[in-house]
Amino acid sequence: MAAEQTPWQWASNHAWRSAAYGLICLTVALGSWAAPLRQARGLWVPIYIEPKPDPVASIRIDRVYRDHRRMGFFRVRALPVMVAQGVQLEVREPAGATNLLQELSRALEALAGSRGVEARQVSIRIGSTQTPSFQARRLVPPAHQGSQVFVLEQVQLKADQQQIELPRAKAQLARPGVLRLVRPDGAMLDYDLSCGSITFNPSEPSGENL
């Protein structure tokens, strides 16, 4: 039986290359994993851009485990899903926001392989603030390679004196570093991942119909 995985670390360079994800496969192989990943704890993904020597952003995942998709109050055993629990995104410099969600998507995909995947208890901290400015109980990354749409549940946004709560929303990048959230009633807002500012009813069109 596979033992619980030790922390992984990998870094992206200025081109945000996906080759870094090969290190996950190597780590799994060296850890003598004979079966698909079942659980892991304490994962950390530092994100670099040249020529800065320190990470401009990072992704931390408290725990990864296998679960089953939920339909209402029920879990469906025929629909397994990999879960990343306690996902903390930290933007240390504005440049770190540019491709942060793409990095998160690729990390989740690398952990899950061909299985479905979702993140639970997701938070984003910007700069030196200790209080998350963005929280979501559940985040489902784009369902297929051609899509850029995230599904969010129980979202809470904080900016200046504003606090916004959305029971459910779809989201995608409106432009680098800016996340556009669309409620079921069609109302939209843009959330800037580099500074935490919120723009209501943005006028610029998004890339994919939400």
N, C-alpha and C. Protein backbone atom coordinates (compact mmCIF):
# COMPACT_ATOMS: atom_id res chain seq x y z
N MET A 1 0.86 -1.19 0.00
CA MET A 1 0.00 0.00 0.00
C MET A 1 0.88 1.23 0.00
N ALA A 2 0.51 2.26 -0.75
CA ALA A 2 1.33 3.47 -0.85
C ALA A 2 1.28 4.25 0.44
N ALA A 3 2.44 4.78 0.83
CA ALA A 3 2.51 5.60 2.03
C ALA A 3 2.08 7.01 1.70
N GLU A 4 1.82 7.79 2.74
CA GLU A 4 1.41 9.17 2.52
C GLU A 4 2.57 9.97 1.96
N GLN A 5 2.27 10.80 0.97
CA GLN A 5 3.31 11.50 0.22
C GLN A 5 3.92 12.64 1.02
N THR A 6 5.20 12.82 0.90
CA THR A 6 5.89 13.94 1.54
C THR A 6 5.70 15.19 0.71
N PRO A 7 5.97 16.39 1.27
CA PRO A 7 5.74 17.63 0.52
C PRO A 7 6.52 17.68 -0.78
N TRP A 8 5.88 18.25 -1.79
CA TRP A 8 6.49 18.46 -3.09
C TRP A 8 6.75 19.95 -3.26
N GLN A 9 7.75 20.25 -4.02
CA GLN A 9 8.01 21.63 -4.39
C GLN A 9 8.46 21.65 -5.84
N TRP A 10 7.96 22.60 -6.58
CA TRP A 10 8.50 22.81 -7.91
C TRP A 10 8.31 24.27 -8.26
N ALA A 11 9.01 24.73 -9.30
CA ALA A 11 8.96 26.15 -9.65
C ALA A 11 8.79 26.30 -11.14
N SER A 12 8.04 27.35 -11.51
CA SER A 12 7.89 27.70 -12.91
C SER A 12 8.85 28.84 -13.23
N ASN A 13 9.38 28.88 -14.46
CA ASN A 13 10.26 29.97 -14.83
C ASN A 13 9.45 31.08 -15.47
N HIS A 14 10.16 32.05 -16.08
CA HIS A 14 9.47 33.23 -16.59
C HIS A 14 8.48 32.90 -17.69
N ALA A 15 8.64 31.80 -18.37
CA ALA A 15 7.72 31.41 -19.43
C ALA A 15 6.56 30.58 -18.88
N TRP A 16 6.53 30.34 -17.58
CA TRP A 16 5.48 29.55 -16.93
C TRP A 16 5.35 28.19 -17.60
N ARG A 17 6.46 27.53 -17.84
CA ARG A 17 6.45 26.29 -18.61
C ARG A 17 5.79 25.16 -17.83
N SER A 18 5.07 24.34 -18.56
CA SER A 18 4.41 23.20 -17.92
C SER A 18 5.38 22.06 -17.67
N ALA A 19 6.62 22.18 -18.15
CA ALA A 19 7.58 21.10 -17.95
C ALA A 19 7.84 20.84 -16.47
N ALA A 20 7.64 21.85 -15.64
CA ALA A 20 7.87 21.66 -14.21
C ALA A 20 6.99 20.57 -13.64
N TYR A 21 5.85 20.32 -14.27
CA TYR A 21 4.95 19.31 -13.75
C TYR A 21 5.50 17.91 -13.93
N GLY A 22 6.50 17.76 -14.79
CA GLY A 22 7.15 16.47 -14.89
C GLY A 22 7.81 16.07 -13.60
N LEU A 23 8.16 17.05 -12.78
CA LEU A 23 8.77 16.76 -11.49
C LEU A 23 7.80 16.02 -10.58
N ILE A 24 6.52 16.28 -10.74
CA ILE A 24 5.53 15.54 -9.96
C ILE A 24 5.63 14.06 -10.29
N CYS A 25 5.64 13.73 -11.59
CA CYS A 25 5.73 12.33 -12.00
C CYS A 25 7.00 11.69 -11.46
N LEU A 26 8.11 12.44 -11.51
CA LEU A 26 9.37 11.92 -11.02
C LEU A 26 9.30 11.68 -9.52
N THR A 27 8.70 12.61 -8.79
CA THR A 27 8.57 12.46 -7.35
C THR A 27 7.73 11.24 -7.01
N VAL A 28 6.63 11.07 -7.75
CA VAL A 28 5.78 9.92 -7.51
C VAL A 28 6.53 8.63 -7.78
N ALA A 29 7.31 8.61 -8.88
CA ALA A 29 8.07 7.41 -9.22
C ALA A 29 9.11 7.10 -8.15
N LEU A 30 9.83 8.12 -7.70
CA LEU A 30 10.85 7.90 -6.68
C LEU A 30 10.22 7.47 -5.36
N GLY A 31 9.00 7.90 -5.15
CA GLY A 31 8.31 7.51 -3.92
C GLY A 31 7.70 6.13 -4.02
N SER A 32 7.98 5.41 -5.11
CA SER A 32 7.53 4.03 -5.34
C SER A 32 6.02 3.90 -5.34
N TRP A 33 5.35 4.90 -5.95
CA TRP A 33 3.91 4.80 -6.09
C TRP A 33 3.60 3.84 -7.22
N ALA A 34 2.99 2.70 -6.93
CA ALA A 34 2.62 1.75 -7.96
C ALA A 34 1.20 1.98 -8.45
N ALA A 35 0.40 2.69 -7.66
CA ALA A 35 -1.00 2.95 -8.00
C ALA A 35 -1.20 4.45 -8.17
N PRO A 36 -2.35 4.88 -8.75
CA PRO A 36 -2.63 6.30 -8.86
C PRO A 36 -2.60 6.98 -7.49
N LEU A 37 -2.25 8.25 -7.49
CA LEU A 37 -2.16 9.01 -6.25
C LEU A 37 -3.47 8.94 -5.48
N ARG A 38 -3.40 8.61 -4.21
CA ARG A 38 -4.60 8.54 -3.37
C ARG A 38 -4.64 9.66 -2.35
N GLN A 39 -3.50 10.01 -1.79
CA GLN A 39 -3.50 11.09 -0.81
C GLN A 39 -2.11 11.69 -0.67
N ALA A 40 -2.09 12.94 -0.22
CA ALA A 40 -0.83 13.64 0.02
C ALA A 40 -1.12 14.80 0.95
N ARG A 41 -0.09 15.31 1.58
CA ARG A 41 -0.24 16.44 2.49
C ARG A 41 0.89 17.44 2.29
N GLY A 42 0.60 18.69 2.62
CA GLY A 42 1.62 19.72 2.69
C GLY A 42 2.31 20.02 1.38
N LEU A 43 1.56 20.24 0.30
CA LEU A 43 2.17 20.55 -0.98
C LEU A 43 2.40 22.06 -1.11
N TRP A 44 3.52 22.42 -1.68
CA TRP A 44 3.85 23.85 -1.87
C TRP A 44 4.39 24.06 -3.27
N VAL A 45 3.82 25.01 -3.99
CA VAL A 45 4.23 25.32 -5.35
C VAL A 45 4.69 26.78 -5.40
N PRO A 46 6.00 27.05 -5.36
CA PRO A 46 6.48 28.43 -5.52
C PRO A 46 6.48 28.79 -7.00
N ILE A 47 6.13 30.02 -7.31
CA ILE A 47 6.06 30.49 -8.69
C ILE A 47 7.05 31.63 -8.88
N TYR A 48 7.95 31.46 -9.82
CA TYR A 48 9.02 32.43 -10.08
C TYR A 48 8.85 33.07 -11.45
N ILE A 49 9.37 34.26 -11.59
CA ILE A 49 9.59 34.86 -12.90
C ILE A 49 10.99 35.46 -12.88
N GLU A 50 11.66 35.38 -14.01
CA GLU A 50 13.00 35.96 -14.09
C GLU A 50 12.90 37.48 -14.20
N PRO A 51 13.86 38.22 -13.64
CA PRO A 51 15.08 37.75 -12.98
C PRO A 51 14.94 37.70 -11.46
N LYS A 52 13.71 37.70 -10.93
CA LYS A 52 13.51 37.77 -9.49
C LYS A 52 13.95 36.47 -8.82
N PRO A 53 14.74 36.55 -7.76
CA PRO A 53 15.24 35.34 -7.11
C PRO A 53 14.21 34.69 -6.18
N ASP A 54 13.21 35.46 -5.75
CA ASP A 54 12.22 34.94 -4.81
C ASP A 54 10.89 34.72 -5.51
N PRO A 55 10.06 33.84 -4.98
CA PRO A 55 8.75 33.59 -5.60
C PRO A 55 7.89 34.85 -5.61
N VAL A 56 7.17 35.06 -6.71
CA VAL A 56 6.23 36.18 -6.80
C VAL A 56 4.83 35.74 -6.38
N ALA A 57 4.63 34.44 -6.28
CA ALA A 57 3.35 33.88 -5.83
C ALA A 57 3.61 32.45 -5.39
N SER A 58 2.63 31.87 -4.72
CA SER A 58 2.77 30.47 -4.33
C SER A 58 1.39 29.85 -4.16
N ILE A 59 1.37 28.52 -4.25
CA ILE A 59 0.16 27.74 -4.04
C ILE A 59 0.46 26.71 -2.96
N ARG A 60 -0.34 26.69 -1.93
CA ARG A 60 -0.21 25.68 -0.88
C ARG A 60 -1.48 24.83 -0.85
N ILE A 61 -1.29 23.53 -0.68
CA ILE A 61 -2.42 22.61 -0.59
C ILE A 61 -2.22 21.78 0.67
N ASP A 62 -3.16 21.90 1.59
CA ASP A 62 -3.03 21.19 2.86
C ASP A 62 -3.11 19.68 2.69
N ARG A 63 -4.04 19.25 1.85
CA ARG A 63 -4.28 17.80 1.76
C ARG A 63 -4.88 17.46 0.40
N VAL A 64 -4.48 16.33 -0.15
CA VAL A 64 -5.08 15.79 -1.37
C VAL A 64 -5.59 14.39 -1.06
N TYR A 65 -6.81 14.09 -1.47
CA TYR A 65 -7.38 12.76 -1.19
C TYR A 65 -8.46 12.44 -2.22
N ARG A 66 -8.83 11.18 -2.26
CA ARG A 66 -9.89 10.74 -3.17
C ARG A 66 -11.24 10.80 -2.46
N ASP A 67 -12.24 11.27 -3.19
CA ASP A 67 -13.60 11.35 -2.66
C ASP A 67 -14.55 10.96 -3.78
N HIS A 68 -15.83 11.21 -3.57
CA HIS A 68 -16.83 10.93 -4.59
C HIS A 68 -17.64 12.20 -4.83
N ARG A 69 -18.07 12.37 -6.06
CA ARG A 69 -18.86 13.56 -6.39
C ARG A 69 -20.16 13.54 -5.60
N ARG A 70 -20.62 14.74 -5.29
CA ARG A 70 -21.87 14.87 -4.54
C ARG A 70 -22.99 15.31 -5.47
N MET A 71 -24.14 14.72 -5.26
CA MET A 71 -25.36 15.14 -5.94
C MET A 71 -26.37 15.44 -4.85
N GLY A 72 -26.54 16.72 -4.56
CA GLY A 72 -27.35 17.10 -3.42
C GLY A 72 -26.62 16.73 -2.14
N PHE A 73 -27.27 15.95 -1.29
CA PHE A 73 -26.66 15.52 -0.03
C PHE A 73 -25.98 14.16 -0.16
N PHE A 74 -25.98 13.60 -1.36
CA PHE A 74 -25.49 12.23 -1.52
C PHE A 74 -24.14 12.21 -2.25
N ARG A 75 -23.30 11.27 -1.86
CA ARG A 75 -22.05 11.02 -2.57
C ARG A 75 -22.23 9.83 -3.50
N VAL A 76 -21.81 9.98 -4.74
CA VAL A 76 -22.00 8.95 -5.75
C VAL A 76 -20.69 8.19 -5.92
N ARG A 77 -20.66 6.95 -5.46
CA ARG A 77 -19.42 6.17 -5.48
C ARG A 77 -18.95 5.87 -6.89
N ALA A 78 -19.85 5.90 -7.85
CA ALA A 78 -19.46 5.63 -9.24
C ALA A 78 -18.76 6.82 -9.88
N LEU A 79 -18.72 7.95 -9.19
CA LEU A 79 -18.11 9.16 -9.75
C LEU A 79 -16.98 9.63 -8.82
N PRO A 80 -15.81 8.98 -8.87
CA PRO A 80 -14.70 9.40 -8.00
C PRO A 80 -14.14 10.75 -8.43
N VAL A 81 -13.59 11.46 -7.48
CA VAL A 81 -13.00 12.77 -7.75
C VAL A 81 -11.81 12.97 -6.82
N MET A 82 -10.75 13.59 -7.32
CA MET A 82 -9.63 13.98 -6.48
C MET A 82 -9.94 15.34 -5.86
N VAL A 83 -9.68 15.48 -4.58
CA VAL A 83 -9.97 16.72 -3.87
C VAL A 83 -8.68 17.33 -3.34
N ALA A 84 -8.48 18.60 -3.63
CA ALA A 84 -7.41 19.38 -3.00
C ALA A 84 -8.07 20.23 -1.92
N GLN A 85 -7.79 19.90 -0.67
CA GLN A 85 -8.43 20.54 0.48
C GLN A 85 -7.51 21.59 1.08
N GLY A 86 -8.06 22.78 1.37
CA GLY A 86 -7.25 23.82 1.98
C GLY A 86 -6.24 24.40 1.01
N VAL A 87 -6.72 24.98 -0.09
CA VAL A 87 -5.86 25.54 -1.13
C VAL A 87 -5.66 27.03 -0.85
N GLN A 88 -4.41 27.42 -0.65
CA GLN A 88 -4.09 28.81 -0.32
C GLN A 88 -3.21 29.40 -1.41
N LEU A 89 -3.74 30.41 -2.08
CA LEU A 89 -2.98 31.12 -3.11
C LEU A 89 -2.47 32.42 -2.51
N GLU A 90 -1.19 32.65 -2.64
CA GLU A 90 -0.59 33.86 -2.09
C GLU A 90 0.06 34.66 -3.22
N VAL A 91 -0.38 35.91 -3.38
CA VAL A 91 0.19 36.82 -4.37
C VAL A 91 1.16 37.74 -3.64
N ARG A 92 2.44 37.53 -3.82
CA ARG A 92 3.44 38.32 -3.11
C ARG A 92 3.79 39.60 -3.84
N GLU A 93 3.72 39.57 -5.17
CA GLU A 93 3.97 40.74 -6.00
C GLU A 93 2.91 40.76 -7.09
N PRO A 94 2.56 41.95 -7.62
CA PRO A 94 1.52 42.01 -8.66
C PRO A 94 1.77 41.07 -9.83
N ALA A 95 3.03 40.89 -10.21
CA ALA A 95 3.33 40.00 -11.34
C ALA A 95 2.92 38.57 -11.05
N GLY A 96 2.81 38.22 -9.79
CA GLY A 96 2.45 36.86 -9.42
C GLY A 96 1.00 36.52 -9.73
N ALA A 97 0.16 37.55 -9.96
CA ALA A 97 -1.26 37.30 -10.24
C ALA A 97 -1.51 36.93 -11.68
N THR A 98 -0.57 37.22 -12.57
CA THR A 98 -0.81 37.13 -14.01
C THR A 98 -1.32 35.77 -14.44
N ASN A 99 -0.63 34.70 -14.05
CA ASN A 99 -1.00 33.35 -14.49
C ASN A 99 -1.29 32.43 -13.31
N LEU A 100 -1.70 33.01 -12.20
CA LEU A 100 -1.87 32.22 -11.00
C LEU A 100 -2.94 31.14 -11.16
N LEU A 101 -4.07 31.49 -11.76
CA LEU A 101 -5.13 30.50 -11.90
C LEU A 101 -4.78 29.41 -12.89
N GLN A 102 -4.04 29.78 -13.96
CA GLN A 102 -3.58 28.74 -14.88
C GLN A 102 -2.64 27.77 -14.17
N GLU A 103 -1.76 28.31 -13.30
CA GLU A 103 -0.86 27.46 -12.54
C GLU A 103 -1.65 26.54 -11.61
N LEU A 104 -2.71 27.08 -11.00
CA LEU A 104 -3.53 26.25 -10.12
C LEU A 104 -4.21 25.14 -10.92
N SER A 105 -4.75 25.48 -12.09
CA SER A 105 -5.42 24.47 -12.92
C SER A 105 -4.45 23.36 -13.31
N ARG A 106 -3.24 23.74 -13.70
CA ARG A 106 -2.28 22.72 -14.11
C ARG A 106 -1.84 21.86 -12.93
N ALA A 107 -1.72 22.48 -11.76
CA ALA A 107 -1.35 21.72 -10.57
C ALA A 107 -2.43 20.69 -10.23
N LEU A 108 -3.70 21.13 -10.27
CA LEU A 108 -4.80 20.21 -9.96
C LEU A 108 -4.87 19.09 -10.98
N GLU A 109 -4.68 19.43 -12.25
CA GLU A 109 -4.71 18.42 -13.30
C GLU A 109 -3.58 17.41 -13.12
N ALA A 110 -2.40 17.91 -12.73
CA ALA A 110 -1.26 17.01 -12.54
C ALA A 110 -1.51 16.06 -11.37
N LEU A 111 -2.16 16.54 -10.33
CA LEU A 111 -2.44 15.70 -9.18
C LEU A 111 -3.50 14.65 -9.47
N ALA A 112 -4.48 15.02 -10.32
CA ALA A 112 -5.62 14.14 -10.54
C ALA A 112 -5.43 13.18 -11.68
N GLY A 113 -4.55 13.49 -12.64
CA GLY A 113 -4.41 12.65 -13.81
C GLY A 113 -5.68 12.71 -14.65
N SER A 114 -6.23 11.55 -14.97
CA SER A 114 -7.42 11.49 -15.82
C SER A 114 -8.72 11.58 -15.01
N ARG A 115 -8.62 11.63 -13.69
CA ARG A 115 -9.82 11.70 -12.86
C ARG A 115 -10.31 13.14 -12.77
N GLY A 116 -11.56 13.28 -12.35
CA GLY A 116 -12.09 14.60 -12.06
C GLY A 116 -11.39 15.18 -10.84
N VAL A 117 -11.41 16.50 -10.71
CA VAL A 117 -10.71 17.15 -9.60
C VAL A 117 -11.45 18.41 -9.20
N GLU A 118 -11.38 18.75 -7.93
CA GLU A 118 -11.92 20.00 -7.44
C GLU A 118 -11.13 20.45 -6.22
N ALA A 119 -11.19 21.74 -5.94
CA ALA A 119 -10.53 22.31 -4.77
C ALA A 119 -11.59 22.76 -3.78
N ARG A 120 -11.31 22.54 -2.50
CA ARG A 120 -12.24 22.94 -1.45
C ARG A 120 -11.52 23.82 -0.44
N GLN A 121 -12.26 24.77 0.11
CA GLN A 121 -11.71 25.73 1.06
C GLN A 121 -10.53 26.48 0.41
N VAL A 122 -10.86 27.23 -0.63
CA VAL A 122 -9.86 27.97 -1.39
C VAL A 122 -9.79 29.41 -0.86
N SER A 123 -8.59 29.93 -0.72
CA SER A 123 -8.42 31.31 -0.27
C SER A 123 -7.27 31.96 -1.03
N ILE A 124 -7.36 33.29 -1.16
CA ILE A 124 -6.32 34.07 -1.81
C ILE A 124 -5.92 35.20 -0.88
N ARG A 125 -4.63 35.31 -0.62
CA ARG A 125 -4.07 36.43 0.15
C ARG A 125 -3.18 37.25 -0.76
N ILE A 126 -3.26 38.56 -0.61
CA ILE A 126 -2.50 39.47 -1.47
C ILE A 126 -1.52 40.27 -0.61
N GLY A 127 -0.27 40.26 -1.02
CA GLY A 127 0.75 41.03 -0.30
C GLY A 127 0.96 40.50 1.11
N SER A 128 1.12 41.42 2.05
CA SER A 128 1.43 41.04 3.43
C SER A 128 0.18 40.87 4.29
N THR A 129 -1.01 41.02 3.72
CA THR A 129 -2.23 40.89 4.51
C THR A 129 -2.39 39.46 5.02
N GLN A 130 -2.88 39.34 6.23
CA GLN A 130 -3.08 38.03 6.83
C GLN A 130 -4.49 37.49 6.58
N THR A 131 -5.43 38.40 6.29
CA THR A 131 -6.80 37.98 6.06
C THR A 131 -7.03 37.74 4.58
N PRO A 132 -7.54 36.59 4.20
CA PRO A 132 -7.80 36.33 2.77
C PRO A 132 -8.79 37.35 2.21
N SER A 133 -8.53 37.84 1.01
CA SER A 133 -9.45 38.76 0.36
C SER A 133 -10.44 38.01 -0.54
N PHE A 134 -10.17 36.74 -0.76
CA PHE A 134 -11.04 35.90 -1.59
C PHE A 134 -11.12 34.53 -0.93
N GLN A 135 -12.34 34.03 -0.79
CA GLN A 135 -12.53 32.69 -0.27
C GLN A 135 -13.65 32.00 -1.04
N ALA A 136 -13.51 30.71 -1.25
CA ALA A 136 -14.56 29.92 -1.89
C ALA A 136 -14.59 28.55 -1.24
N ARG A 137 -15.77 28.08 -0.94
CA ARG A 137 -15.89 26.75 -0.33
C ARG A 137 -15.51 25.66 -1.32
N ARG A 138 -15.78 25.91 -2.60
CA ARG A 138 -15.50 24.89 -3.61
C ARG A 138 -15.14 25.57 -4.93
N LEU A 139 -14.15 25.03 -5.60
CA LEU A 139 -13.72 25.52 -6.91
C LEU A 139 -13.52 24.32 -7.82
N VAL A 140 -14.19 24.34 -8.97
CA VAL A 140 -14.02 23.29 -9.97
C VAL A 140 -13.32 23.92 -11.17
N PRO A 141 -12.14 23.43 -11.53
CA PRO A 141 -11.41 24.02 -12.66
C PRO A 141 -12.10 23.72 -13.98
N PRO A 142 -11.66 24.36 -15.09
CA PRO A 142 -12.28 24.11 -16.39
C PRO A 142 -12.41 22.63 -16.68
N ALA A 143 -13.58 22.26 -17.24
CA ALA A 143 -13.90 20.85 -17.42
C ALA A 143 -13.12 20.20 -18.54
N HIS A 144 -12.67 20.98 -19.51
CA HIS A 144 -11.90 20.41 -20.62
C HIS A 144 -10.89 21.43 -21.09
N GLN A 145 -9.95 21.00 -21.89
CA GLN A 145 -8.81 21.83 -22.25
C GLN A 145 -9.22 23.09 -22.99
N GLY A 146 -10.28 23.03 -23.75
CA GLY A 146 -10.70 24.20 -24.52
C GLY A 146 -11.45 25.24 -23.71
N SER A 147 -11.83 24.91 -22.48
CA SER A 147 -12.60 25.83 -21.64
C SER A 147 -11.68 26.59 -20.69
N GLN A 148 -12.13 27.78 -20.28
CA GLN A 148 -11.41 28.58 -19.30
C GLN A 148 -12.29 28.93 -18.11
N VAL A 149 -13.43 28.26 -18.00
CA VAL A 149 -14.43 28.63 -17.01
C VAL A 149 -14.29 27.80 -15.74
N PHE A 150 -14.18 28.49 -14.60
CA PHE A 150 -14.17 27.87 -13.28
C PHE A 150 -15.59 27.96 -12.70
N VAL A 151 -15.96 26.97 -11.91
CA VAL A 151 -17.23 27.00 -11.18
C VAL A 151 -16.92 27.18 -9.69
N LEU A 152 -17.55 28.15 -9.06
CA LEU A 152 -17.28 28.49 -7.67
C LEU A 152 -18.56 28.39 -6.85
N GLU A 153 -18.40 27.98 -5.59
CA GLU A 153 -19.52 27.93 -4.66
C GLU A 153 -19.13 28.62 -3.36
N GLN A 154 -20.11 29.30 -2.77
CA GLN A 154 -19.93 29.99 -1.49
C GLN A 154 -18.70 30.90 -1.53
N VAL A 155 -18.77 31.91 -2.39
CA VAL A 155 -17.65 32.83 -2.59
C VAL A 155 -17.81 34.04 -1.68
N GLN A 156 -16.70 34.47 -1.11
CA GLN A 156 -16.69 35.69 -0.29
C GLN A 156 -15.52 36.55 -0.74
N LEU A 157 -15.82 37.81 -1.09
CA LEU A 157 -14.81 38.77 -1.53
C LEU A 157 -14.76 39.93 -0.56
N LYS A 158 -13.54 40.40 -0.28
CA LYS A 158 -13.35 41.55 0.59
C LYS A 158 -12.43 42.55 -0.10
N ALA A 159 -12.86 43.81 -0.14
CA ALA A 159 -12.05 44.87 -0.72
C ALA A 159 -12.40 46.18 -0.02
N ASP A 160 -11.37 46.81 0.57
CA ASP A 160 -11.61 48.04 1.35
C ASP A 160 -12.68 47.76 2.40
N GLN A 161 -13.80 48.47 2.33
CA GLN A 161 -14.87 48.26 3.29
C GLN A 161 -15.98 47.37 2.73
N GLN A 162 -15.77 46.82 1.56
CA GLN A 162 -16.80 46.00 0.92
C GLN A 162 -16.62 44.53 1.25
N GLN A 163 -17.74 43.86 1.41
CA GLN A 163 -17.73 42.40 1.53
C GLN A 163 -18.87 41.87 0.69
N ILE A 164 -18.56 40.99 -0.23
CA ILE A 164 -19.54 40.46 -1.17
C ILE A 164 -19.59 38.96 -1.02
N GLU A 165 -20.79 38.42 -0.97
CA GLU A 165 -20.97 36.97 -0.87
C GLU A 165 -21.80 36.49 -2.05
N LEU A 166 -21.32 35.45 -2.69
CA LEU A 166 -22.00 34.85 -3.84
C LEU A 166 -22.20 33.37 -3.57
N PRO A 167 -23.44 32.90 -3.50
CA PRO A 167 -23.65 31.46 -3.27
C PRO A 167 -23.04 30.60 -4.37
N ARG A 168 -23.09 31.10 -5.60
CA ARG A 168 -22.56 30.33 -6.73
C ARG A 168 -22.21 31.30 -7.85
N ALA A 169 -21.14 31.00 -8.57
CA ALA A 169 -20.73 31.86 -9.69
C ALA A 169 -19.86 31.07 -10.65
N LYS A 170 -19.84 31.52 -11.90
CA LYS A 170 -18.87 31.04 -12.86
C LYS A 170 -17.82 32.12 -13.03
N ALA A 171 -16.61 31.72 -13.35
CA ALA A 171 -15.53 32.70 -13.42
C ALA A 171 -14.53 32.33 -14.49
N GLN A 172 -13.89 33.33 -15.06
CA GLN A 172 -12.79 33.14 -15.98
C GLN A 172 -11.95 34.42 -15.97
N LEU A 173 -10.76 34.34 -16.54
CA LEU A 173 -9.92 35.52 -16.61
C LEU A 173 -10.45 36.47 -17.66
N ALA A 174 -10.75 37.70 -17.25
CA ALA A 174 -11.15 38.73 -18.21
C ALA A 174 -9.93 39.26 -18.95
N ARG A 175 -8.82 39.32 -18.24
CA ARG A 175 -7.51 39.69 -18.78
C ARG A 175 -6.49 39.20 -17.76
N PRO A 176 -5.21 39.19 -18.09
CA PRO A 176 -4.23 38.63 -17.15
C PRO A 176 -4.35 39.23 -15.74
N GLY A 177 -4.52 38.35 -14.76
CA GLY A 177 -4.57 38.78 -13.37
C GLY A 177 -5.92 39.28 -12.90
N VAL A 178 -6.93 39.30 -13.76
CA VAL A 178 -8.26 39.81 -13.38
C VAL A 178 -9.30 38.71 -13.60
N LEU A 179 -9.96 38.33 -12.53
CA LEU A 179 -10.95 37.26 -12.57
C LEU A 179 -12.34 37.85 -12.70
N ARG A 180 -13.08 37.42 -13.71
CA ARG A 180 -14.46 37.88 -13.88
C ARG A 180 -15.42 36.83 -13.33
N LEU A 181 -16.29 37.27 -12.41
CA LEU A 181 -17.27 36.39 -11.81
C LEU A 181 -18.65 36.77 -12.32
N VAL A 182 -19.44 35.75 -12.67
CA VAL A 182 -20.79 35.95 -13.19
C VAL A 182 -21.76 35.14 -12.35
N ARG A 183 -22.72 35.85 -11.77
CA ARG A 183 -23.74 35.18 -10.97
C ARG A 183 -24.75 34.49 -11.88
N PRO A 184 -25.58 33.58 -11.32
CA PRO A 184 -26.61 32.93 -12.15
C PRO A 184 -27.57 33.91 -12.80
N ASP A 185 -27.78 35.09 -12.19
CA ASP A 185 -28.70 36.07 -12.79
C ASP A 185 -28.02 36.93 -13.85
N GLY A 186 -26.74 36.67 -14.13
CA GLY A 186 -26.04 37.40 -15.18
C GLY A 186 -25.23 38.59 -14.71
N ALA A 187 -25.42 39.03 -13.46
CA ALA A 187 -24.65 40.16 -12.95
C ALA A 187 -23.16 39.78 -12.89
N MET A 188 -22.29 40.74 -13.24
CA MET A 188 -20.86 40.46 -13.32
C MET A 188 -20.06 41.40 -12.43
N LEU A 189 -18.89 40.93 -12.03
CA LEU A 189 -17.91 41.79 -11.38
C LEU A 189 -16.52 41.25 -11.71
N ASP A 190 -15.56 42.16 -11.71
CA ASP A 190 -14.16 41.80 -11.93
C ASP A 190 -13.39 41.92 -10.63
N TYR A 191 -12.60 40.91 -10.34
CA TYR A 191 -11.79 40.90 -9.13
C TYR A 191 -10.32 40.87 -9.54
N ASP A 192 -9.58 41.91 -9.16
CA ASP A 192 -8.17 42.04 -9.53
C ASP A 192 -7.33 41.24 -8.53
N LEU A 193 -6.69 40.18 -9.01
CA LEU A 193 -5.91 39.31 -8.15
C LEU A 193 -4.63 39.96 -7.66
N SER A 194 -4.20 41.04 -8.30
CA SER A 194 -2.95 41.67 -7.90
C SER A 194 -3.12 42.65 -6.75
N CYS A 195 -4.34 43.21 -6.58
CA CYS A 195 -4.54 44.21 -5.53
C CYS A 195 -5.83 44.02 -4.75
N GLY A 196 -6.72 43.14 -5.22
CA GLY A 196 -7.96 42.88 -4.50
C GLY A 196 -9.09 43.84 -4.80
N SER A 197 -8.95 44.70 -5.78
CA SER A 197 -10.01 45.65 -6.09
C SER A 197 -11.15 44.97 -6.84
N ILE A 198 -12.35 45.55 -6.72
CA ILE A 198 -13.54 44.98 -7.34
C ILE A 198 -14.17 46.02 -8.27
N THR A 199 -14.50 45.62 -9.48
CA THR A 199 -15.20 46.48 -10.44
C THR A 199 -16.53 45.83 -10.77
N PHE A 200 -17.63 46.57 -10.53
CA PHE A 200 -18.95 46.04 -10.81
C PHE A 200 -19.36 46.32 -12.25
N ASN A 201 -20.10 45.38 -12.83
CA ASN A 201 -20.63 45.52 -14.19
C ASN A 201 -19.56 45.97 -15.18
N PRO A 202 -18.47 45.23 -15.31
CA PRO A 202 -17.41 45.63 -16.24
C PRO A 202 -17.91 45.64 -17.68
N SER A 203 -17.35 46.54 -18.47
CA SER A 203 -17.82 46.72 -19.84
C SER A 203 -17.08 45.85 -20.85
N GLU A 204 -15.82 45.47 -20.54
CA GLU A 204 -15.06 44.69 -21.52
C GLU A 204 -15.63 43.28 -21.64
N PRO A 205 -15.75 42.76 -22.85
CA PRO A 205 -16.24 41.39 -23.02
C PRO A 205 -15.21 40.38 -22.53
N SER A 206 -15.68 39.23 -22.06
CA SER A 206 -14.78 38.15 -21.65
C SER A 206 -14.57 37.20 -22.83
N GLY A 207 -13.57 36.32 -22.71
CA GLY A 207 -13.20 35.48 -23.84
C GLY A 207 -14.18 34.37 -24.13
N GLU A 208 -14.90 33.86 -23.13
CA GLU A 208 -15.81 32.73 -23.32
C GLU A 208 -17.16 33.10 -22.74
N ASN A 209 -18.22 32.70 -23.41
CA ASN A 209 -19.56 33.04 -22.96
C ASN A 209 -19.87 32.33 -21.65
N LEU A 210 -20.12 33.11 -20.60
CA LEU A 210 -20.45 32.54 -19.30
C LEU A 210 -21.97 32.48 -19.10
